[in-house]
Amino acid sequence: MSELKLTFREKVWEVTRRIPKGKVATYGQIAALVGSPKGARAVGMCMQTNPSIENAPCHRVVASNGKLTGYAFGGTNVKKTILLKEGVEFVGDKVDLKQSLWDEN
């Protein structure tokens, strides 16, 4: 029996669904987890085309320095509000990655 092969986008969304509330992942981290360690920008494109936050909680994906980047569902202010409600720690306008970075292990 053959296994269903997921597209890059589907793999990205699958990993994104595993990020728990109160944690974030970086674009590069997700790229590495789907087997494309240099694909951070491609992960960003997947986030832009996410049809719904129920499909993949793209608000939990941030830049490697903790900076909030674009958010298709209302902009970075909405993204920050959601992350704060979920318990993500911030230092200024950046996510405190020492406190809030997701470790899949």
PDB file of N, CA and C in Angstrom:
ATOM      1  N   MET A   1       0.838  -1.175   0.000  1.00  0.00           N
ATOM      2  CA  MET A   1       0.000   0.000   0.000  1.00  0.00           C
ATOM      3  C   MET A   1       0.886   1.243   0.000  1.00  0.00           C
ATOM      4  N   SER A   2       0.617   2.183  -0.896  1.00  0.00           N
ATOM      5  CA  SER A   2       1.464   3.371  -0.969  1.00  0.00           C
ATOM      6  C   SER A   2       0.999   4.430   0.026  1.00  0.00           C
ATOM      7  N   GLU A   3       1.982   5.200   0.501  1.00  0.00           N
ATOM      8  CA  GLU A   3       1.719   6.249   1.473  1.00  0.00           C
ATOM      9  C   GLU A   3       1.382   7.539   0.742  1.00  0.00           C
ATOM     10  N   LEU A   4       0.420   8.276   1.231  1.00  0.00           N
ATOM     11  CA  LEU A   4       0.047   9.554   0.649  1.00  0.00           C
ATOM     12  C   LEU A   4       1.201  10.534   0.840  1.00  0.00           C
ATOM     13  N   LYS A   5       1.649  11.149  -0.241  1.00  0.00           N
ATOM     14  CA  LYS A   5       2.765  12.090  -0.157  1.00  0.00           C
ATOM     15  C   LYS A   5       2.218  13.506   0.032  1.00  0.00           C
ATOM     16  N   LEU A   6       2.662  14.146   1.101  1.00  0.00           N
ATOM     17  CA  LEU A   6       2.234  15.504   1.393  1.00  0.00           C
ATOM     18  C   LEU A   6       3.069  16.510   0.622  1.00  0.00           C
ATOM     19  N   THR A   7       2.453  17.605   0.233  1.00  0.00           N
ATOM     20  CA  THR A   7       3.185  18.695  -0.401  1.00  0.00           C
ATOM     21  C   THR A   7       3.976  19.442   0.673  1.00  0.00           C
ATOM     22  N   PHE A   8       4.909  20.259   0.253  1.00  0.00           N
ATOM     23  CA  PHE A   8       5.676  21.083   1.187  1.00  0.00           C
ATOM     24  C   PHE A   8       4.721  21.892   2.061  1.00  0.00           C
ATOM     25  N   ARG A   9       3.749  22.537   1.434  1.00  0.00           N
ATOM     26  CA  ARG A   9       2.780  23.370   2.155  1.00  0.00           C
ATOM     27  C   ARG A   9       2.029  22.542   3.202  1.00  0.00           C
ATOM     28  N   GLU A  10       1.591  21.367   2.843  1.00  0.00           N
ATOM     29  CA  GLU A  10       0.867  20.506   3.781  1.00  0.00           C
ATOM     30  C   GLU A  10       1.756  20.086   4.950  1.00  0.00           C
ATOM     31  N   LYS A  11       3.025  19.810   4.661  1.00  0.00           N
ATOM     32  CA  LYS A  11       3.960  19.465   5.737  1.00  0.00           C
ATOM     33  C   LYS A  11       4.150  20.640   6.695  1.00  0.00           C
ATOM     34  N   VAL A  12       4.269  21.839   6.134  1.00  0.00           N
ATOM     35  CA  VAL A  12       4.440  23.048   6.948  1.00  0.00           C
ATOM     36  C   VAL A  12       3.226  23.241   7.837  1.00  0.00           C
ATOM     37  N   TRP A  13       2.044  23.125   7.281  1.00  0.00           N
ATOM     38  CA  TRP A  13       0.829  23.316   8.073  1.00  0.00           C
ATOM     39  C   TRP A  13       0.693  22.228   9.131  1.00  0.00           C
ATOM     40  N   GLU A  14       1.104  21.015   8.814  1.00  0.00           N
ATOM     41  CA  GLU A  14       1.047  19.898   9.781  1.00  0.00           C
ATOM     42  C   GLU A  14       1.934  20.200  10.981  1.00  0.00           C
ATOM     43  N   VAL A  15       3.153  20.669  10.725  1.00  0.00           N
ATOM     44  CA  VAL A  15       4.066  21.016  11.818  1.00  0.00           C
ATOM     45  C   VAL A  15       3.500  22.189  12.613  1.00  0.00           C
ATOM     46  N   THR A  16       2.974  23.179  11.919  1.00  0.00           N
ATOM     47  CA  THR A  16       2.428  24.359  12.587  1.00  0.00           C
ATOM     48  C   THR A  16       1.280  23.982  13.524  1.00  0.00           C
ATOM     49  N   ARG A  17       0.476  23.019  13.139  1.00  0.00           N
ATOM     50  CA  ARG A  17      -0.631  22.570  14.005  1.00  0.00           C
ATOM     51  C   ARG A  17      -0.129  21.974  15.318  1.00  0.00           C
ATOM     52  N   ARG A  18       1.103  21.517  15.361  1.00  0.00           N
ATOM     53  CA  ARG A  18       1.651  20.904  16.582  1.00  0.00           C
ATOM     54  C   ARG A  18       2.206  21.926  17.580  1.00  0.00           C
ATOM     55  N   ILE A  19       2.340  23.181  17.183  1.00  0.00           N
ATOM     56  CA  ILE A  19       2.860  24.207  18.090  1.00  0.00           C
ATOM     57  C   ILE A  19       1.780  24.479  19.142  1.00  0.00           C
ATOM     58  N   PRO A  20       2.066  24.242  20.413  1.00  0.00           N
ATOM     59  CA  PRO A  20       1.034  24.434  21.439  1.00  0.00           C
ATOM     60  C   PRO A  20       0.788  25.905  21.769  1.00  0.00           C
ATOM     61  N   LYS A  21      -0.363  26.182  22.341  1.00  0.00           N
ATOM     62  CA  LYS A  21      -0.646  27.534  22.828  1.00  0.00           C
ATOM     63  C   LYS A  21       0.435  27.912  23.834  1.00  0.00           C
ATOM     64  N   GLY A  22       0.837  29.170  23.788  1.00  0.00           N
ATOM     65  CA  GLY A  22       1.862  29.653  24.703  1.00  0.00           C
ATOM     66  C   GLY A  22       3.277  29.478  24.187  1.00  0.00           C
ATOM     67  N   LYS A  23       3.412  28.898  22.999  1.00  0.00           N
ATOM     68  CA  LYS A  23       4.726  28.687  22.391  1.00  0.00           C
ATOM     69  C   LYS A  23       4.718  29.199  20.964  1.00  0.00           C
ATOM     70  N   VAL A  24       5.906  29.457  20.435  1.00  0.00           N
ATOM     71  CA  VAL A  24       6.076  29.854  19.038  1.00  0.00           C
ATOM     72  C   VAL A  24       7.187  29.022  18.418  1.00  0.00           C
ATOM     73  N   ALA A  25       7.198  28.998  17.110  1.00  0.00           N
ATOM     74  CA  ALA A  25       8.296  28.397  16.349  1.00  0.00           C
ATOM     75  C   ALA A  25       8.782  29.442  15.358  1.00  0.00           C
ATOM     76  N   THR A  26       9.993  29.294  14.898  1.00  0.00           N
ATOM     77  CA  THR A  26      10.511  30.214  13.883  1.00  0.00           C
ATOM     78  C   THR A  26      10.295  29.606  12.499  1.00  0.00           C
ATOM     79  N   TYR A  27      10.334  30.463  11.495  1.00  0.00           N
ATOM     80  CA  TYR A  27      10.197  30.005  10.116  1.00  0.00           C
ATOM     81  C   TYR A  27      11.285  28.983   9.796  1.00  0.00           C
ATOM     82  N   GLY A  28      12.510  29.272  10.235  1.00  0.00           N
ATOM     83  CA  GLY A  28      13.623  28.357   9.990  1.00  0.00           C
ATOM     84  C   GLY A  28      13.466  27.035  10.709  1.00  0.00           C
ATOM     85  N   GLN A  29      12.939  27.082  11.915  1.00  0.00           N
ATOM     86  CA  GLN A  29      12.707  25.869  12.692  1.00  0.00           C
ATOM     87  C   GLN A  29      11.708  24.962  11.961  1.00  0.00           C
ATOM     88  N   ILE A  30      10.642  25.548  11.462  1.00  0.00           N
ATOM     89  CA  ILE A  30       9.650  24.759  10.734  1.00  0.00           C
ATOM     90  C   ILE A  30      10.251  24.211   9.453  1.00  0.00           C
ATOM     91  N   ALA A  31      11.020  25.032   8.753  1.00  0.00           N
ATOM     92  CA  ALA A  31      11.662  24.570   7.520  1.00  0.00           C
ATOM     93  C   ALA A  31      12.531  23.347   7.792  1.00  0.00           C
ATOM     94  N   ALA A  32      13.309  23.397   8.852  1.00  0.00           N
ATOM     95  CA  ALA A  32      14.165  22.256   9.198  1.00  0.00           C
ATOM     96  C   ALA A  32      13.332  21.024   9.535  1.00  0.00           C
ATOM     97  N   LEU A  33      12.240  21.218  10.257  1.00  0.00           N
ATOM     98  CA  LEU A  33      11.395  20.090  10.660  1.00  0.00           C
ATOM     99  C   LEU A  33      10.719  19.403   9.472  1.00  0.00           C
ATOM    100  N   VAL A  34      10.513  20.132   8.387  1.00  0.00           N
ATOM    101  CA  VAL A  34       9.907  19.514   7.205  1.00  0.00           C
ATOM    102  C   VAL A  34      10.951  19.056   6.192  1.00  0.00           C
ATOM    103  N   GLY A  35      12.229  19.112   6.599  1.00  0.00           N
ATOM    104  CA  GLY A  35      13.294  18.589   5.745  1.00  0.00           C
ATOM    105  C   GLY A  35      13.860  19.560   4.739  1.00  0.00           C
ATOM    106  N   SER A  36      13.637  20.852   4.943  1.00  0.00           N
ATOM    107  CA  SER A  36      14.152  21.868   4.033  1.00  0.00           C
ATOM    108  C   SER A  36      14.791  22.998   4.846  1.00  0.00           C
ATOM    109  N   PRO A  37      15.963  22.730   5.451  1.00  0.00           N
ATOM    110  CA  PRO A  37      16.548  23.682   6.406  1.00  0.00           C
ATOM    111  C   PRO A  37      16.819  25.084   5.870  1.00  0.00           C
ATOM    112  N   LYS A  38      16.891  25.261   4.566  1.00  0.00           N
ATOM    113  CA  LYS A  38      17.101  26.600   4.000  1.00  0.00           C
ATOM    114  C   LYS A  38      15.796  27.192   3.461  1.00  0.00           C
ATOM    115  N   GLY A  39      14.679  26.617   3.848  1.00  0.00           N
ATOM    116  CA  GLY A  39      13.393  27.015   3.299  1.00  0.00           C
ATOM    117  C   GLY A  39      12.558  27.950   4.151  1.00  0.00           C
ATOM    118  N   ALA A  40      13.191  28.776   4.984  1.00  0.00           N
ATOM    119  CA  ALA A  40      12.434  29.670   5.862  1.00  0.00           C
ATOM    120  C   ALA A  40      11.509  30.608   5.086  1.00  0.00           C
ATOM    121  N   ARG A  41      11.987  31.149   3.979  1.00  0.00           N
ATOM    122  CA  ARG A  41      11.140  32.058   3.186  1.00  0.00           C
ATOM    123  C   ARG A  41       9.963  31.313   2.573  1.00  0.00           C
ATOM    124  N   ALA A  42      10.194  30.088   2.161  1.00  0.00           N
ATOM    125  CA  ALA A  42       9.103  29.275   1.614  1.00  0.00           C
ATOM    126  C   ALA A  42       8.054  28.993   2.686  1.00  0.00           C
ATOM    127  N   VAL A  43       8.500  28.789   3.921  1.00  0.00           N
ATOM    128  CA  VAL A  43       7.560  28.609   5.036  1.00  0.00           C
ATOM    129  C   VAL A  43       6.722  29.878   5.190  1.00  0.00           C
ATOM    130  N   GLY A  44       7.356  31.027   5.080  1.00  0.00           N
ATOM    131  CA  GLY A  44       6.629  32.296   5.160  1.00  0.00           C
ATOM    132  C   GLY A  44       5.558  32.409   4.096  1.00  0.00           C
ATOM    133  N   MET A  45       5.864  31.951   2.899  1.00  0.00           N
ATOM    134  CA  MET A  45       4.868  31.969   1.824  1.00  0.00           C
ATOM    135  C   MET A  45       3.701  31.046   2.155  1.00  0.00           C
ATOM    136  N   CYS A  46       3.987  29.922   2.766  1.00  0.00           N
ATOM    137  CA  CYS A  46       2.911  29.003   3.186  1.00  0.00           C
ATOM    138  C   CYS A  46       2.014  29.667   4.227  1.00  0.00           C
ATOM    139  N   MET A  47       2.619  30.415   5.121  1.00  0.00           N
ATOM    140  CA  MET A  47       1.835  31.096   6.147  1.00  0.00           C
ATOM    141  C   MET A  47       0.918  32.143   5.511  1.00  0.00           C
ATOM    142  N   GLN A  48       1.414  32.823   4.465  1.00  0.00           N
ATOM    143  CA  GLN A  48       0.601  33.837   3.785  1.00  0.00           C
ATOM    144  C   GLN A  48      -0.604  33.230   3.086  1.00  0.00           C
ATOM    145  N   THR A  49      -0.504  31.982   2.684  1.00  0.00           N
ATOM    146  CA  THR A  49      -1.599  31.346   1.955  1.00  0.00           C
ATOM    147  C   THR A  49      -2.435  30.420   2.826  1.00  0.00           C
ATOM    148  N   ASN A  50      -2.212  30.466   4.123  1.00  0.00           N
ATOM    149  CA  ASN A  50      -2.985  29.651   5.052  1.00  0.00           C
ATOM    150  C   ASN A  50      -4.446  30.084   4.982  1.00  0.00           C
ATOM    151  N   PRO A  51      -5.356  29.171   4.678  1.00  0.00           N
ATOM    152  CA  PRO A  51      -6.760  29.575   4.537  1.00  0.00           C
ATOM    153  C   PRO A  51      -7.453  29.911   5.860  1.00  0.00           C
ATOM    154  N   SER A  52      -6.953  29.377   6.977  1.00  0.00           N
ATOM    155  CA  SER A  52      -7.583  29.673   8.261  1.00  0.00           C
ATOM    156  C   SER A  52      -6.657  29.309   9.407  1.00  0.00           C
ATOM    157  N   ILE A  53      -6.822  30.007  10.538  1.00  0.00           N
ATOM    158  CA  ILE A  53      -5.978  29.685  11.687  1.00  0.00           C
ATOM    159  C   ILE A  53      -6.367  28.342  12.295  1.00  0.00           C
ATOM    160  N   GLU A  54      -7.554  27.848  11.961  1.00  0.00           N
ATOM    161  CA  GLU A  54      -7.920  26.513  12.400  1.00  0.00           C
ATOM    162  C   GLU A  54      -7.107  25.467  11.633  1.00  0.00           C
ATOM    163  N   ASN A  55      -6.791  25.763  10.381  1.00  0.00           N
ATOM    164  CA  ASN A  55      -5.988  24.872   9.555  1.00  0.00           C
ATOM    165  C   ASN A  55      -4.562  24.788  10.087  1.00  0.00           C
ATOM    166  N   ALA A  56      -4.004  25.928  10.419  1.00  0.00           N
ATOM    167  CA  ALA A  56      -2.646  26.000  10.972  1.00  0.00           C
ATOM    168  C   ALA A  56      -2.525  27.324  11.718  1.00  0.00           C
ATOM    169  N   PRO A  57      -2.182  27.297  12.996  1.00  0.00           N
ATOM    170  CA  PRO A  57      -2.101  28.532  13.780  1.00  0.00           C
ATOM    171  C   PRO A  57      -0.862  29.350  13.419  1.00  0.00           C
ATOM    172  N   CYS A  58      -0.921  29.979  12.257  1.00  0.00           N
ATOM    173  CA  CYS A  58       0.236  30.693  11.717  1.00  0.00           C
ATOM    174  C   CYS A  58       0.669  31.870  12.584  1.00  0.00           C
ATOM    175  N   HIS A  59      -0.191  32.326  13.493  1.00  0.00           N
ATOM    176  CA  HIS A  59       0.214  33.412  14.395  1.00  0.00           C
ATOM    177  C   HIS A  59       1.319  32.961  15.340  1.00  0.00           C
ATOM    178  N   ARG A  60       1.543  31.655  15.458  1.00  0.00           N
ATOM    179  CA  ARG A  60       2.582  31.123  16.341  1.00  0.00           C
ATOM    180  C   ARG A  60       3.936  30.977  15.630  1.00  0.00           C
ATOM    181  N   VAL A  61       4.066  31.548  14.448  1.00  0.00           N
ATOM    182  CA  VAL A  61       5.326  31.464  13.704  1.00  0.00           C
ATOM    183  C   VAL A  61       5.924  32.864  13.625  1.00  0.00           C
ATOM    184  N   VAL A  62       7.193  32.970  14.040  1.00  0.00           N
ATOM    185  CA  VAL A  62       7.871  34.266  14.125  1.00  0.00           C
ATOM    186  C   VAL A  62       9.253  34.185  13.480  1.00  0.00           C
ATOM    187  N   ALA A  63       9.872  35.341  13.326  1.00  0.00           N
ATOM    188  CA  ALA A  63      11.225  35.406  12.770  1.00  0.00           C
ATOM    189  C   ALA A  63      12.235  34.816  13.757  1.00  0.00           C
ATOM    190  N   SER A  64      13.412  34.517  13.275  1.00  0.00           N
ATOM    191  CA  SER A  64      14.448  33.875  14.104  1.00  0.00           C
ATOM    192  C   SER A  64      14.920  34.747  15.263  1.00  0.00           C
ATOM    193  N   ASN A  65      14.668  36.050  15.194  1.00  0.00           N
ATOM    194  CA  ASN A  65      15.033  36.943  16.296  1.00  0.00           C
ATOM    195  C   ASN A  65      13.840  37.268  17.201  1.00  0.00           C
ATOM    196  N   GLY A  66      12.704  36.604  16.976  1.00  0.00           N
ATOM    197  CA  GLY A  66      11.516  36.831  17.774  1.00  0.00           C
ATOM    198  C   GLY A  66      10.605  37.925  17.252  1.00  0.00           C
ATOM    199  N   LYS A  67      11.016  38.570  16.180  1.00  0.00           N
ATOM    200  CA  LYS A  67      10.212  39.651  15.604  1.00  0.00           C
ATOM    201  C   LYS A  67       8.943  39.096  14.976  1.00  0.00           C
ATOM    202  N   LEU A  68       7.860  39.834  15.136  1.00  0.00           N
ATOM    203  CA  LEU A  68       6.614  39.467  14.484  1.00  0.00           C
ATOM    204  C   LEU A  68       6.656  39.974  13.059  1.00  0.00           C
ATOM    205  N   THR A  69       6.345  39.096  12.145  1.00  0.00           N
ATOM    206  CA  THR A  69       6.289  39.481  10.739  1.00  0.00           C
ATOM    207  C   THR A  69       4.822  39.489  10.327  1.00  0.00           C
ATOM    208  N   GLY A  70       4.542  39.705   9.068  1.00  0.00           N
ATOM    209  CA  GLY A  70       3.170  39.835   8.594  1.00  0.00           C
ATOM    210  C   GLY A  70       2.212  38.781   9.110  1.00  0.00           C
ATOM    211  N   TYR A  71       0.955  39.168   9.156  1.00  0.00           N
ATOM    212  CA  TYR A  71      -0.094  38.259   9.599  1.00  0.00           C
ATOM    213  C   TYR A  71      -1.327  38.535   8.756  1.00  0.00           C
ATOM    214  N   ALA A  72      -1.715  37.562   7.948  1.00  0.00           N
ATOM    215  CA  ALA A  72      -2.793  37.733   6.979  1.00  0.00           C
ATOM    216  C   ALA A  72      -4.164  37.949   7.609  1.00  0.00           C
ATOM    217  N   PHE A  73      -4.306  37.649   8.892  1.00  0.00           N
ATOM    218  CA  PHE A  73      -5.606  37.750   9.548  1.00  0.00           C
ATOM    219  C   PHE A  73      -5.717  38.996  10.431  1.00  0.00           C
ATOM    220  N   GLY A  74      -5.125  40.107   9.981  1.00  0.00           N
ATOM    221  CA  GLY A  74      -5.298  41.360  10.726  1.00  0.00           C
ATOM    222  C   GLY A  74      -4.032  42.128  11.036  1.00  0.00           C
ATOM    223  N   GLY A  75      -2.877  41.643  10.632  1.00  0.00           N
ATOM    224  CA  GLY A  75      -1.635  42.364  10.867  1.00  0.00           C
ATOM    225  C   GLY A  75      -0.937  41.954  12.155  1.00  0.00           C
ATOM    226  N   THR A  76       0.245  42.493  12.360  1.00  0.00           N
ATOM    227  CA  THR A  76       1.077  42.073  13.486  1.00  0.00           C
ATOM    228  C   THR A  76       0.520  42.485  14.845  1.00  0.00           C
ATOM    229  N   ASN A  77      -0.264  43.564  14.904  1.00  0.00           N
ATOM    230  CA  ASN A  77      -0.863  43.931  16.191  1.00  0.00           C
ATOM    231  C   ASN A  77      -1.854  42.866  16.650  1.00  0.00           C
ATOM    232  N   VAL A  78      -2.624  42.331  15.714  1.00  0.00           N
ATOM    233  CA  VAL A  78      -3.559  41.251  16.040  1.00  0.00           C
ATOM    234  C   VAL A  78      -2.774  40.003  16.436  1.00  0.00           C
ATOM    235  N   LYS A  79      -1.705  39.731  15.702  1.00  0.00           N
ATOM    236  CA  LYS A  79      -0.863  38.571  16.001  1.00  0.00           C
ATOM    237  C   LYS A  79      -0.323  38.660  17.426  1.00  0.00           C
ATOM    238  N   LYS A  80       0.170  39.826  17.807  1.00  0.00           N
ATOM    239  CA  LYS A  80       0.719  40.007  19.154  1.00  0.00           C
ATOM    240  C   LYS A  80      -0.376  39.843  20.206  1.00  0.00           C
ATOM    241  N   THR A  81      -1.545  40.388  19.957  1.00  0.00           N
ATOM    242  CA  THR A  81      -2.655  40.267  20.902  1.00  0.00           C
ATOM    243  C   THR A  81      -3.016  38.802  21.141  1.00  0.00           C
ATOM    244  N   ILE A  82      -3.094  38.038  20.076  1.00  0.00           N
ATOM    245  CA  ILE A  82      -3.424  36.609  20.197  1.00  0.00           C
ATOM    246  C   ILE A  82      -2.339  35.881  20.979  1.00  0.00           C
ATOM    247  N   LEU A  83      -1.075  36.139  20.632  1.00  0.00           N
ATOM    248  CA  LEU A  83       0.035  35.472  21.320  1.00  0.00           C
ATOM    249  C   LEU A  83       0.063  35.818  22.809  1.00  0.00           C
ATOM    250  N   LEU A  84      -0.185  37.069  23.149  1.00  0.00           N
ATOM    251  CA  LEU A  84      -0.230  37.464  24.560  1.00  0.00           C
ATOM    252  C   LEU A  84      -1.350  36.726  25.296  1.00  0.00           C
ATOM    253  N   LYS A  85      -2.514  36.614  24.668  1.00  0.00           N
ATOM    254  CA  LYS A  85      -3.637  35.897  25.277  1.00  0.00           C
ATOM    255  C   LYS A  85      -3.301  34.429  25.496  1.00  0.00           C
ATOM    256  N   GLU A  86      -2.457  33.871  24.616  1.00  0.00           N
ATOM    257  CA  GLU A  86      -2.064  32.468  24.731  1.00  0.00           C
ATOM    258  C   GLU A  86      -0.925  32.256  25.725  1.00  0.00           C
ATOM    259  N   GLY A  87      -0.355  33.354  26.252  1.00  0.00           N
ATOM    260  CA  GLY A  87       0.689  33.236  27.255  1.00  0.00           C
ATOM    261  C   GLY A  87       2.111  33.344  26.745  1.00  0.00           C
ATOM    262  N   VAL A  88       2.286  33.777  25.511  1.00  0.00           N
ATOM    263  CA  VAL A  88       3.628  33.960  24.955  1.00  0.00           C
ATOM    264  C   VAL A  88       4.262  35.184  25.610  1.00  0.00           C
ATOM    265  N   GLU A  89       5.524  35.041  25.999  1.00  0.00           N
ATOM    266  CA  GLU A  89       6.271  36.116  26.665  1.00  0.00           C
ATOM    267  C   GLU A  89       6.929  37.025  25.621  1.00  0.00           C
ATOM    268  N   PHE A  90       6.913  38.324  25.903  1.00  0.00           N
ATOM    269  CA  PHE A  90       7.532  39.313  25.015  1.00  0.00           C
ATOM    270  C   PHE A  90       8.560  40.132  25.773  1.00  0.00           C
ATOM    271  N   VAL A  91       9.551  40.614  25.036  1.00  0.00           N
ATOM    272  CA  VAL A  91      10.474  41.641  25.496  1.00  0.00           C
ATOM    273  C   VAL A  91      10.338  42.748  24.461  1.00  0.00           C
ATOM    274  N   GLY A  92       9.670  43.813  24.841  1.00  0.00           N
ATOM    275  CA  GLY A  92       9.361  44.865  23.874  1.00  0.00           C
ATOM    276  C   GLY A  92       8.400  44.320  22.829  1.00  0.00           C
ATOM    277  N   ASP A  93       8.764  44.498  21.567  1.00  0.00           N
ATOM    278  CA  ASP A  93       7.909  44.033  20.476  1.00  0.00           C
ATOM    279  C   ASP A  93       8.315  42.661  19.941  1.00  0.00           C
ATOM    280  N   LYS A  94       9.280  42.025  20.589  1.00  0.00           N
ATOM    281  CA  LYS A  94       9.744  40.717  20.126  1.00  0.00           C
ATOM    282  C   LYS A  94       9.364  39.631  21.123  1.00  0.00           C
ATOM    283  N   VAL A  95       9.105  38.450  20.595  1.00  0.00           N
ATOM    284  CA  VAL A  95       8.839  37.298  21.449  1.00  0.00           C
ATOM    285  C   VAL A  95      10.118  36.955  22.199  1.00  0.00           C
ATOM    286  N   ASP A  96      10.002  36.664  23.473  1.00  0.00           N
ATOM    287  CA  ASP A  96      11.132  36.208  24.266  1.00  0.00           C
ATOM    288  C   ASP A  96      11.340  34.730  23.942  1.00  0.00           C
ATOM    289  N   LEU A  97      12.225  34.456  23.006  1.00  0.00           N
ATOM    290  CA  LEU A  97      12.432  33.090  22.543  1.00  0.00           C
ATOM    291  C   LEU A  97      13.012  32.185  23.627  1.00  0.00           C
ATOM    292  N   LYS A  98      13.704  32.757  24.603  1.00  0.00           N
ATOM    293  CA  LYS A  98      14.224  31.928  25.702  1.00  0.00           C
ATOM    294  C   LYS A  98      13.078  31.334  26.510  1.00  0.00           C
ATOM    295  N   GLN A  99      11.973  32.040  26.585  1.00  0.00           N
ATOM    296  CA  GLN A  99      10.821  31.588  27.363  1.00  0.00           C
ATOM    297  C   GLN A  99       9.771  30.871  26.515  1.00  0.00           C
ATOM    298  N   SER A 100       9.586  31.325  25.277  1.00  0.00           N
ATOM    299  CA  SER A 100       8.417  30.887  24.512  1.00  0.00           C
ATOM    300  C   SER A 100       8.705  30.057  23.267  1.00  0.00           C
ATOM    301  N   LEU A 101       9.968  29.752  23.000  1.00  0.00           N
ATOM    302  CA  LEU A 101      10.266  28.948  21.801  1.00  0.00           C
ATOM    303  C   LEU A 101       9.852  27.505  22.019  1.00  0.00           C
ATOM    304  N   TRP A 102       9.126  26.967  21.083  1.00  0.00           N
ATOM    305  CA  TRP A 102       8.656  25.582  21.127  1.00  0.00           C
ATOM    306  C   TRP A 102       9.809  24.627  20.891  1.00  0.00           C
ATOM    307  N   ASP A 103       9.874  23.620  21.708  1.00  0.00           N
ATOM    308  CA  ASP A 103      10.852  22.548  21.545  1.00  0.00           C
ATOM    309  C   ASP A 103      10.046  21.283  21.312  1.00  0.00           C
ATOM    310  N   GLU A 104      10.070  20.777  20.111  1.00  0.00           N
ATOM    311  CA  GLU A 104       9.245  19.632  19.769  1.00  0.00           C
ATOM    312  C   GLU A 104       9.610  18.383  20.552  1.00  0.00           C
ATOM    313  N   ASN A 105      10.803  18.328  21.071  1.00  0.00           N
ATOM    314  CA  ASN A 105      11.218  17.111  21.790  1.00  0.00           C
ATOM    315  C   ASN A 105      10.612  17.002  23.128  1.00  0.00           C
TER     316      ASN A 105
END
